[in-house]
Amino acid sequence: MFECWWQNEGFEAWRLRGDLRGASRRWQHRLHDELWLWINASGEGVVWGKDHRIFLKPGLFGCFGGQESEDWKWTRLPGHHEAEILIIPREHLVRHFGEAAAARNTPFARWLRGEQGVSFTGLAGREEKKLAALLAAGWRSKSMPAAVQRALGRWVERILGATQDLMPLASAKGRKRRPKTVRTKNTTSYQIQ
């Protein structure tokens, strides 16, 4: 179901394809200094680490990064699954965006400095869909194509440049919610434990 089809200099490209019948399936992986970008085309699942949890549904993207050697797990529910997954080394992000990006007020700032894990999910927009299409096309070269590098750079700049106020409320600490937000957004909502 999972296939690693490309890797170079700490980057890895994975593909998830397949059908699950009757029962869910669970995997576990130890994260190192890397950010996982998961672009979910179809199927549902949950990804979680020590302090973070994200739910993936069709048309969403999620990204997560843990502390050094933190175990992360993901469960896929029964049904058809398609996703493109890109693993991005932390050193690439720090080198590419410098210390200024690490100092911004985003959920990623502490992760870039190595202080805590991060998880974030959102609706797949133009940048995520373009990056998913480039990954789905695949390539035979050992190096990452320039078009993929540009698309990845635009996506990271948009995410790192976003302020805390513009990000979904569940971004900083997985699915934790503030009571005030639950009351103002949807009176029938309740915190999931």
C-alpha atoms as a PDB file:
ATOM      1  CA  MET A   1       0.000   0.000   0.000  1.00  0.00           C
ATOM      2  CA  PHE A   2       2.860   2.456   0.834  1.00  0.00           C
ATOM      3  CA  GLU A   3       5.627   2.818  -1.720  1.00  0.00           C
ATOM      4  CA  CYS A   4       8.767   4.949  -1.407  1.00  0.00           C
ATOM      5  CA  TRP A   5       9.545   5.744  -5.035  1.00  0.00           C
ATOM      6  CA  TRP A   6      12.233   8.427  -4.649  1.00  0.00           C
ATOM      7  CA  GLN A   7      14.780   9.578  -2.064  1.00  0.00           C
ATOM      8  CA  ASN A   8      17.762  11.909  -2.122  1.00  0.00           C
ATOM      9  CA  GLU A   9      19.571  14.150   0.418  1.00  0.00           C
ATOM     10  CA  GLY A  10      17.036  13.518   3.194  1.00  0.00           C
ATOM     11  CA  PHE A  11      13.988  14.029   0.964  1.00  0.00           C
ATOM     12  CA  GLU A  12      11.664  11.108   0.291  1.00  0.00           C
ATOM     13  CA  ALA A  13       8.585  10.780  -1.911  1.00  0.00           C
ATOM     14  CA  TRP A  14       5.991   8.185  -0.950  1.00  0.00           C
ATOM     15  CA  ARG A  15       2.805   7.056  -2.622  1.00  0.00           C
ATOM     16  CA  LEU A  16      -0.209   5.540  -0.894  1.00  0.00           C
ATOM     17  CA  ARG A  17      -2.559   3.549  -3.143  1.00  0.00           C
ATOM     18  CA  GLY A  18      -4.965   0.754  -2.400  1.00  0.00           C
ATOM     19  CA  ASP A  19      -8.235  -0.494  -1.015  1.00  0.00           C
ATOM     20  CA  LEU A  20      -8.897  -1.598   2.522  1.00  0.00           C
ATOM     21  CA  ARG A  21     -11.821  -3.947   3.008  1.00  0.00           C
ATOM     22  CA  GLY A  22     -13.435  -4.795   6.325  1.00  0.00           C
ATOM     23  CA  ALA A  23     -10.881  -3.446   8.821  1.00  0.00           C
ATOM     24  CA  SER A  24      -8.640  -0.459   9.339  1.00  0.00           C
ATOM     25  CA  ARG A  25      -4.874  -0.717   9.070  1.00  0.00           C
ATOM     26  CA  ARG A  26      -2.227   0.894  11.286  1.00  0.00           C
ATOM     27  CA  TRP A  27       1.441   1.765  10.661  1.00  0.00           C
ATOM     28  CA  GLN A  28       4.110   3.257  12.887  1.00  0.00           C
ATOM     29  CA  HIS A  29       7.219   5.199  11.953  1.00  0.00           C
ATOM     30  CA  ARG A  30       9.927   6.917  13.990  1.00  0.00           C
ATOM     31  CA  LEU A  31      10.337  10.508  12.820  1.00  0.00           C
ATOM     32  CA  HIS A  32      13.710  12.175  12.755  1.00  0.00           C
ATOM     33  CA  ASP A  33      14.416  15.802  11.847  1.00  0.00           C
ATOM     34  CA  GLU A  34      11.820  15.923   9.092  1.00  0.00           C
ATOM     35  CA  LEU A  35       8.476  17.402   8.161  1.00  0.00           C
ATOM     36  CA  TRP A  36       5.954  15.075   6.525  1.00  0.00           C
ATOM     37  CA  LEU A  37       3.605  16.667   3.988  1.00  0.00           C
ATOM     38  CA  TRP A  38       0.655  14.358   3.324  1.00  0.00           C
ATOM     39  CA  ILE A  39      -1.673  15.361   0.434  1.00  0.00           C
ATOM     40  CA  ASN A  40      -4.761  13.184   0.793  1.00  0.00           C
ATOM     41  CA  ALA A  41      -6.709  12.641  -2.453  1.00  0.00           C
ATOM     42  CA  SER A  42      -9.089   9.960  -1.163  1.00  0.00           C
ATOM     43  CA  GLY A  43      -9.714   7.850   1.901  1.00  0.00           C
ATOM     44  CA  GLU A  44      -9.863   8.737   5.573  1.00  0.00           C
ATOM     45  CA  GLY A  45      -7.416   8.280   8.386  1.00  0.00           C
ATOM     46  CA  VAL A  46      -5.781   9.623  11.530  1.00  0.00           C
ATOM     47  CA  VAL A  47      -2.127  10.546  12.091  1.00  0.00           C
ATOM     48  CA  TRP A  48      -0.868  11.071  15.623  1.00  0.00           C
ATOM     49  CA  GLY A  49       2.266  11.558  17.664  1.00  0.00           C
ATOM     50  CA  LYS A  50       2.924  12.107  21.341  1.00  0.00           C
ATOM     51  CA  ASP A  51       1.053  15.435  21.642  1.00  0.00           C
ATOM     52  CA  HIS A  52      -0.548  15.875  18.224  1.00  0.00           C
ATOM     53  CA  ARG A  53      -3.398  14.367  16.242  1.00  0.00           C
ATOM     54  CA  ILE A  54      -4.679  15.201  12.756  1.00  0.00           C
ATOM     55  CA  PHE A  55      -7.631  13.748  10.873  1.00  0.00           C
ATOM     56  CA  LEU A  56      -7.280  13.372   7.110  1.00  0.00           C
ATOM     57  CA  LYS A  57     -10.283  13.254   4.808  1.00  0.00           C
ATOM     58  CA  PRO A  58     -10.453  13.475   1.005  1.00  0.00           C
ATOM     59  CA  GLY A  59      -9.225  16.827  -0.280  1.00  0.00           C
ATOM     60  CA  LEU A  60      -7.243  17.744   2.829  1.00  0.00           C
ATOM     61  CA  PHE A  61      -3.518  18.052   3.335  1.00  0.00           C
ATOM     62  CA  GLY A  62      -1.726  17.521   6.594  1.00  0.00           C
ATOM     63  CA  CYS A  63       1.812  18.058   7.711  1.00  0.00           C
ATOM     64  CA  PHE A  64       3.506  16.953  10.866  1.00  0.00           C
ATOM     65  CA  GLY A  65       6.916  16.897  12.432  1.00  0.00           C
ATOM     66  CA  GLY A  66       7.930  15.483  15.771  1.00  0.00           C
ATOM     67  CA  GLN A  67      10.737  15.694  18.217  1.00  0.00           C
ATOM     68  CA  GLU A  68      13.838  13.667  17.401  1.00  0.00           C
ATOM     69  CA  SER A  69      13.048   9.931  17.419  1.00  0.00           C
ATOM     70  CA  GLU A  70       9.359  10.390  18.259  1.00  0.00           C
ATOM     71  CA  ASP A  71       7.069   7.563  17.171  1.00  0.00           C
ATOM     72  CA  TRP A  72       4.157   8.591  14.950  1.00  0.00           C
ATOM     73  CA  LYS A  73       1.316   6.310  13.945  1.00  0.00           C
ATOM     74  CA  TRP A  74      -1.296   6.467  11.250  1.00  0.00           C
ATOM     75  CA  THR A  75      -4.476   4.523  10.770  1.00  0.00           C
ATOM     76  CA  ARG A  76      -6.373   4.275   7.505  1.00  0.00           C
ATOM     77  CA  LEU A  77     -10.057   3.416   7.617  1.00  0.00           C
ATOM     78  CA  PRO A  78     -11.700   0.950   5.181  1.00  0.00           C
ATOM     79  CA  GLY A  79     -12.160   2.222   1.626  1.00  0.00           C
ATOM     80  CA  HIS A  80     -10.097   3.385  -1.355  1.00  0.00           C
ATOM     81  CA  HIS A  81      -6.953   5.381  -0.527  1.00  0.00           C
ATOM     82  CA  GLU A  82      -4.762   7.689  -2.594  1.00  0.00           C
ATOM     83  CA  ALA A  83      -2.196  10.121  -1.206  1.00  0.00           C
ATOM     84  CA  GLU A  84       1.124  11.693  -2.105  1.00  0.00           C
ATOM     85  CA  ILE A  85       3.584  12.097   0.749  1.00  0.00           C
ATOM     86  CA  LEU A  86       6.744  14.204   0.729  1.00  0.00           C
ATOM     87  CA  ILE A  87       9.286  14.076   3.558  1.00  0.00           C
ATOM     88  CA  ILE A  88      11.220  17.336   3.907  1.00  0.00           C
ATOM     89  CA  PRO A  89      14.354  17.519   6.091  1.00  0.00           C
ATOM     90  CA  ARG A  90      14.302  20.245   8.763  1.00  0.00           C
ATOM     91  CA  GLU A  91      17.814  21.369   7.807  1.00  0.00           C
ATOM     92  CA  HIS A  92      16.544  22.164   4.290  1.00  0.00           C
ATOM     93  CA  LEU A  93      13.804  24.415   5.700  1.00  0.00           C
ATOM     94  CA  VAL A  94      16.137  26.201   8.119  1.00  0.00           C
ATOM     95  CA  ARG A  95      18.833  26.595   5.428  1.00  0.00           C
ATOM     96  CA  HIS A  96      16.345  27.781   2.793  1.00  0.00           C
ATOM     97  CA  PHE A  97      14.411  30.215   4.976  1.00  0.00           C
ATOM     98  CA  GLY A  98      17.069  31.126   7.526  1.00  0.00           C
ATOM     99  CA  GLU A  99      16.626  32.058  11.139  1.00  0.00           C
ATOM    100  CA  ALA A 100      14.103  34.792  10.280  1.00  0.00           C
ATOM    101  CA  ALA A 101      11.511  32.147   9.388  1.00  0.00           C
ATOM    102  CA  ALA A 102      12.184  30.288  12.621  1.00  0.00           C
ATOM    103  CA  ALA A 103      11.495  33.451  14.629  1.00  0.00           C
ATOM    104  CA  ARG A 104       8.059  34.149  13.139  1.00  0.00           C
ATOM    105  CA  ASN A 105       4.924  33.623  15.192  1.00  0.00           C
ATOM    106  CA  THR A 106       3.714  30.408  13.541  1.00  0.00           C
ATOM    107  CA  PRO A 107       3.115  26.921  14.913  1.00  0.00           C
ATOM    108  CA  PHE A 108       6.230  25.894  12.948  1.00  0.00           C
ATOM    109  CA  ALA A 109       8.596  28.308  14.702  1.00  0.00           C
ATOM    110  CA  ARG A 110       9.226  26.066  17.715  1.00  0.00           C
ATOM    111  CA  TRP A 111       9.526  22.984  15.530  1.00  0.00           C
ATOM    112  CA  LEU A 112      12.113  24.712  13.317  1.00  0.00           C
ATOM    113  CA  ARG A 113      14.101  25.552  16.454  1.00  0.00           C
ATOM    114  CA  GLY A 114      13.809  21.920  17.613  1.00  0.00           C
ATOM    115  CA  GLU A 115      11.743  22.747  20.713  1.00  0.00           C
ATOM    116  CA  GLN A 116       8.506  20.795  20.046  1.00  0.00           C
ATOM    117  CA  GLY A 117       6.527  18.826  17.487  1.00  0.00           C
ATOM    118  CA  VAL A 118       3.981  20.317  15.116  1.00  0.00           C
ATOM    119  CA  SER A 119       0.885  19.180  13.252  1.00  0.00           C
ATOM    120  CA  PHE A 120      -1.311  21.081  10.862  1.00  0.00           C
ATOM    121  CA  THR A 121      -4.113  20.202   8.486  1.00  0.00           C
ATOM    122  CA  GLY A 122      -5.998  22.256   5.922  1.00  0.00           C
ATOM    123  CA  LEU A 123      -8.022  22.208   2.739  1.00  0.00           C
ATOM    124  CA  ALA A 124      -5.810  21.365  -0.238  1.00  0.00           C
ATOM    125  CA  GLY A 125      -5.591  24.528  -2.317  1.00  0.00           C
ATOM    126  CA  ARG A 126      -3.793  25.385  -5.523  1.00  0.00           C
ATOM    127  CA  GLU A 127      -0.252  24.948  -4.131  1.00  0.00           C
ATOM    128  CA  GLU A 128      -0.971  21.559  -2.551  1.00  0.00           C
ATOM    129  CA  LYS A 129      -2.781  20.254  -5.652  1.00  0.00           C
ATOM    130  CA  LYS A 130       0.058  21.355  -7.937  1.00  0.00           C
ATOM    131  CA  LEU A 131       2.650  19.726  -5.689  1.00  0.00           C
ATOM    132  CA  ALA A 132       0.550  16.532  -5.523  1.00  0.00           C
ATOM    133  CA  ALA A 133       0.261  16.437  -9.325  1.00  0.00           C
ATOM    134  CA  LEU A 134       4.035  16.865  -9.714  1.00  0.00           C
ATOM    135  CA  LEU A 135       4.660  14.080  -7.205  1.00  0.00           C
ATOM    136  CA  ALA A 136       2.060  11.799  -8.817  1.00  0.00           C
ATOM    137  CA  ALA A 137       3.760  12.241 -12.196  1.00  0.00           C
ATOM    138  CA  GLY A 138       6.973  10.852 -10.719  1.00  0.00           C
ATOM    139  CA  TRP A 139      10.383  11.182 -12.317  1.00  0.00           C
ATOM    140  CA  ARG A 140      13.338   8.957 -13.019  1.00  0.00           C
ATOM    141  CA  SER A 141      16.063  11.463 -12.200  1.00  0.00           C
ATOM    142  CA  LYS A 142      18.061  11.157  -8.967  1.00  0.00           C
ATOM    143  CA  SER A 143      17.633  14.869  -8.270  1.00  0.00           C
ATOM    144  CA  MET A 144      14.403  16.690  -7.491  1.00  0.00           C
ATOM    145  CA  PRO A 145      13.090  18.530 -10.570  1.00  0.00           C
ATOM    146  CA  ALA A 146      13.185  22.327 -10.496  1.00  0.00           C
ATOM    147  CA  ALA A 147       9.373  22.537 -10.860  1.00  0.00           C
ATOM    148  CA  VAL A 148       8.922  20.453  -7.690  1.00  0.00           C
ATOM    149  CA  GLN A 149      11.485  22.558  -5.817  1.00  0.00           C
ATOM    150  CA  ARG A 150       9.674  25.771  -6.833  1.00  0.00           C
ATOM    151  CA  ALA A 151       6.244  24.375  -5.883  1.00  0.00           C
ATOM    152  CA  LEU A 152       7.607  23.172  -2.534  1.00  0.00           C
ATOM    153  CA  GLY A 153       9.223  26.570  -1.910  1.00  0.00           C
ATOM    154  CA  ARG A 154       5.957  28.420  -2.604  1.00  0.00           C
ATOM    155  CA  TRP A 155       4.022  26.064  -0.321  1.00  0.00           C
ATOM    156  CA  VAL A 156       6.507  26.413   2.540  1.00  0.00           C
ATOM    157  CA  GLU A 157       6.651  30.204   2.201  1.00  0.00           C
ATOM    158  CA  ARG A 158       2.863  30.399   2.382  1.00  0.00           C
ATOM    159  CA  ILE A 159       2.696  28.140   5.447  1.00  0.00           C
ATOM    160  CA  LEU A 160       5.643  29.707   7.286  1.00  0.00           C
ATOM    161  CA  GLY A 161       4.464  33.193   6.388  1.00  0.00           C
ATOM    162  CA  ALA A 162       0.960  32.644   7.775  1.00  0.00           C
ATOM    163  CA  THR A 163       0.237  34.176  11.135  1.00  0.00           C
ATOM    164  CA  GLN A 164      -1.274  32.182  13.977  1.00  0.00           C
ATOM    165  CA  ASP A 165      -4.582  34.044  13.470  1.00  0.00           C
ATOM    166  CA  LEU A 166      -4.928  32.806   9.881  1.00  0.00           C
ATOM    167  CA  MET A 167      -4.329  29.128  10.687  1.00  0.00           C
ATOM    168  CA  PRO A 168      -7.025  26.683  11.738  1.00  0.00           C
ATOM    169  CA  LEU A 169      -7.492  26.559  15.488  1.00  0.00           C
ATOM    170  CA  ALA A 170      -6.322  22.953  15.733  1.00  0.00           C
ATOM    171  CA  SER A 171      -2.951  23.679  14.105  1.00  0.00           C
ATOM    172  CA  ALA A 172      -0.753  24.493  17.076  1.00  0.00           C
ATOM    173  CA  LYS A 173      -1.584  21.536  19.312  1.00  0.00           C
ATOM    174  CA  GLY A 174      -3.281  18.939  17.154  1.00  0.00           C
ATOM    175  CA  ARG A 175      -6.988  18.673  18.000  1.00  0.00           C
ATOM    176  CA  LYS A 176      -6.959  20.705  21.223  1.00  0.00           C
ATOM    177  CA  ARG A 177      -9.567  23.476  21.247  1.00  0.00           C
ATOM    178  CA  ARG A 178     -10.157  26.499  23.429  1.00  0.00           C
ATOM    179  CA  PRO A 179     -13.575  26.589  25.159  1.00  0.00           C
ATOM    180  CA  LYS A 180     -14.271  30.146  23.909  1.00  0.00           C
ATOM    181  CA  THR A 181     -13.775  29.037  20.285  1.00  0.00           C
ATOM    182  CA  VAL A 182     -16.140  26.097  20.658  1.00  0.00           C
ATOM    183  CA  ARG A 183     -18.890  28.363  22.042  1.00  0.00           C
ATOM    184  CA  THR A 184     -18.531  31.028  19.332  1.00  0.00           C
ATOM    185  CA  LYS A 185     -18.097  28.779  16.293  1.00  0.00           C
ATOM    186  CA  ASN A 186     -20.634  26.011  16.792  1.00  0.00           C
ATOM    187  CA  THR A 187     -22.819  25.646  19.820  1.00  0.00           C
ATOM    188  CA  THR A 188     -23.216  21.887  19.295  1.00  0.00           C
ATOM    189  CA  SER A 189     -19.446  21.255  19.234  1.00  0.00           C
ATOM    190  CA  TYR A 190     -17.606  19.538  22.033  1.00  0.00           C
ATOM    191  CA  GLN A 191     -13.993  18.703  22.668  1.00  0.00           C
ATOM    192  CA  ILE A 192     -12.880  15.279  21.447  1.00  0.00           C
ATOM    193  CA  GLN A 193     -10.767  13.402  23.971  1.00  0.00           C
END
